[in-house]
Amino acid sequence: MVERPRSVVLASLLALLGAFFALVIAVLGIGMEEGVLSKMAFCLLTLALFLAVAGSLNANGQWTWRFLIFAQALCAAIPMVGCVYGAIDIASCLLLVIIAVVIIFLTSSAQTKRWVEADRV
């Protein structure tokens, strides 16, 4: 088994951090009277995707490299849709999108692709 590249370790930690921020944003939105369910839905879906991405970057991950990039793109797209819909404020959206884009940047290298496709077992 080949050791995980540093970019994969950093991307996994950032995915956990993104999941934490999505949970905090969801909890902070509970006090609002209007639009609570939509904000919770967008934040919890983003939370689940960030946790799934973090899990897939570990040994014995379940996804191919292409699906991993697709899931990371969804981690960026869902908060943006929530911001356009008006459920998530702009600052929270930017934070989650920046984390997702950094994860995409870290995992799109050839070394990471080789590790995910061949050496992750």
Protein backbone atom coordinates (compact mmCIF):
# COMPACT_ATOMS: atom_id res chain seq x y z
CA MET A 1 0.00 0.00 0.00
CA VAL A 2 1.37 3.36 -1.02
CA GLU A 3 1.30 6.21 1.47
CA ARG A 4 -1.36 8.85 0.89
CA PRO A 5 -0.10 12.00 -0.81
CA ARG A 6 -0.06 15.14 1.32
CA SER A 7 -2.57 16.80 -0.98
CA VAL A 8 -5.06 14.00 -0.26
CA VAL A 9 -4.55 14.33 3.49
CA LEU A 10 -5.03 18.10 3.31
CA ALA A 11 -8.11 17.71 1.09
CA SER A 12 -9.60 15.23 3.55
CA LEU A 13 -9.02 17.61 6.46
CA LEU A 14 -10.54 20.48 4.49
CA ALA A 15 -13.59 18.34 3.70
CA LEU A 16 -14.05 17.68 7.41
CA LEU A 17 -13.66 21.41 8.07
CA GLY A 18 -16.25 22.17 5.38
CA ALA A 19 -18.63 19.67 6.98
CA PHE A 20 -18.12 21.36 10.35
CA PHE A 21 -18.85 24.80 8.90
CA ALA A 22 -21.96 23.48 7.12
CA LEU A 23 -23.20 22.09 10.43
CA VAL A 24 -22.50 25.38 12.22
CA ILE A 25 -24.33 27.34 9.50
CA ALA A 26 -27.30 24.98 9.80
CA VAL A 27 -27.41 25.31 13.59
CA LEU A 28 -27.12 29.08 13.48
CA GLY A 29 -30.06 29.26 11.08
CA ILE A 30 -32.47 27.54 13.47
CA GLY A 31 -33.54 30.84 15.06
CA MET A 32 -34.94 32.29 11.84
CA GLU A 33 -38.70 32.24 11.45
CA GLU A 34 -38.89 32.15 7.67
CA GLY A 35 -36.99 29.75 5.44
CA VAL A 36 -35.59 27.52 8.18
CA LEU A 37 -36.31 24.26 6.40
CA SER A 38 -34.72 25.31 3.13
CA LYS A 39 -31.59 26.57 4.88
CA MET A 40 -31.36 23.36 6.90
CA ALA A 41 -31.85 21.26 3.77
CA PHE A 42 -29.11 23.02 1.80
CA CYS A 43 -26.69 22.97 4.73
CA LEU A 44 -27.31 19.34 5.67
CA LEU A 45 -26.98 18.20 2.06
CA THR A 46 -23.68 20.07 1.84
CA LEU A 47 -22.63 18.52 5.16
CA ALA A 48 -23.38 15.02 3.89
CA LEU A 49 -21.44 15.61 0.67
CA PHE A 50 -18.41 16.99 2.49
CA LEU A 51 -18.40 13.97 4.82
CA ALA A 52 -18.74 11.61 1.85
CA VAL A 53 -15.82 13.30 0.10
CA ALA A 54 -13.71 13.05 3.26
CA GLY A 55 -14.55 9.35 3.55
CA SER A 56 -13.73 8.64 -0.06
CA LEU A 57 -10.28 10.19 0.33
CA ASN A 58 -9.30 7.53 2.88
CA ALA A 59 -7.92 4.09 2.17
CA ASN A 60 -10.50 1.70 0.71
CA GLY A 61 -12.57 4.61 -0.59
CA GLN A 62 -15.59 3.73 -2.64
CA TRP A 63 -15.49 6.18 -5.54
CA THR A 64 -13.58 6.54 -8.76
CA TRP A 65 -11.56 9.70 -9.32
CA ARG A 66 -14.09 11.15 -11.78
CA PHE A 67 -17.01 10.65 -9.41
CA LEU A 68 -14.94 12.14 -6.59
CA ILE A 69 -14.42 15.32 -8.63
CA PHE A 70 -18.15 15.36 -9.47
CA ALA A 71 -19.08 15.09 -5.77
CA GLN A 72 -16.66 17.90 -4.96
CA ALA A 73 -18.28 20.04 -7.65
CA LEU A 74 -21.63 19.33 -6.01
CA CYS A 75 -20.13 20.51 -2.70
CA ALA A 76 -19.51 23.84 -4.41
CA ALA A 77 -22.75 23.99 -6.40
CA ILE A 78 -25.27 23.28 -3.65
CA PRO A 79 -24.34 26.28 -1.46
CA MET A 80 -24.40 28.50 -4.57
CA VAL A 81 -27.91 27.30 -5.42
CA GLY A 82 -28.90 27.93 -1.81
CA CYS A 83 -27.49 31.44 -2.03
CA VAL A 84 -29.35 32.15 -5.27
CA TYR A 85 -32.51 30.71 -3.73
CA GLY A 86 -32.04 32.96 -0.71
CA ALA A 87 -31.68 30.24 1.89
CA ILE A 88 -27.98 30.76 2.65
CA ASP A 89 -26.35 34.14 3.15
CA ILE A 90 -23.51 35.22 0.86
CA ALA A 91 -20.71 34.99 3.44
CA SER A 92 -21.59 31.40 4.36
CA CYS A 93 -21.90 30.49 0.71
CA LEU A 94 -18.50 31.96 -0.11
CA LEU A 95 -16.86 30.09 2.77
CA LEU A 96 -18.26 26.72 1.68
CA VAL A 97 -17.55 27.33 -2.00
CA ILE A 98 -13.95 28.40 -1.33
CA ILE A 99 -13.35 25.25 0.72
CA ALA A 100 -14.85 23.10 -2.04
CA VAL A 101 -12.78 24.77 -4.76
CA VAL A 102 -9.57 24.30 -2.77
CA ILE A 103 -10.43 20.61 -2.35
CA ILE A 104 -11.01 20.30 -6.10
CA PHE A 105 -7.68 22.00 -6.75
CA LEU A 106 -5.86 19.66 -4.34
CA THR A 107 -7.36 16.47 -5.73
CA SER A 108 -7.07 17.22 -9.44
CA SER A 109 -3.36 16.47 -9.66
CA ALA A 110 -2.01 13.45 -11.50
CA GLN A 111 -0.48 12.05 -8.32
CA THR A 112 -3.83 12.15 -6.53
CA LYS A 113 -5.58 10.56 -9.51
CA ARG A 114 -3.05 7.73 -9.56
CA TRP A 115 -3.44 7.18 -5.82
CA VAL A 116 -7.25 7.12 -6.00
CA GLU A 117 -7.39 4.85 -9.04
CA ALA A 118 -4.58 2.39 -8.24
CA ASP A 119 -2.94 2.71 -4.83
CA ARG A 120 -5.86 3.32 -2.50
CA VAL A 121 -6.57 -0.37 -1.82
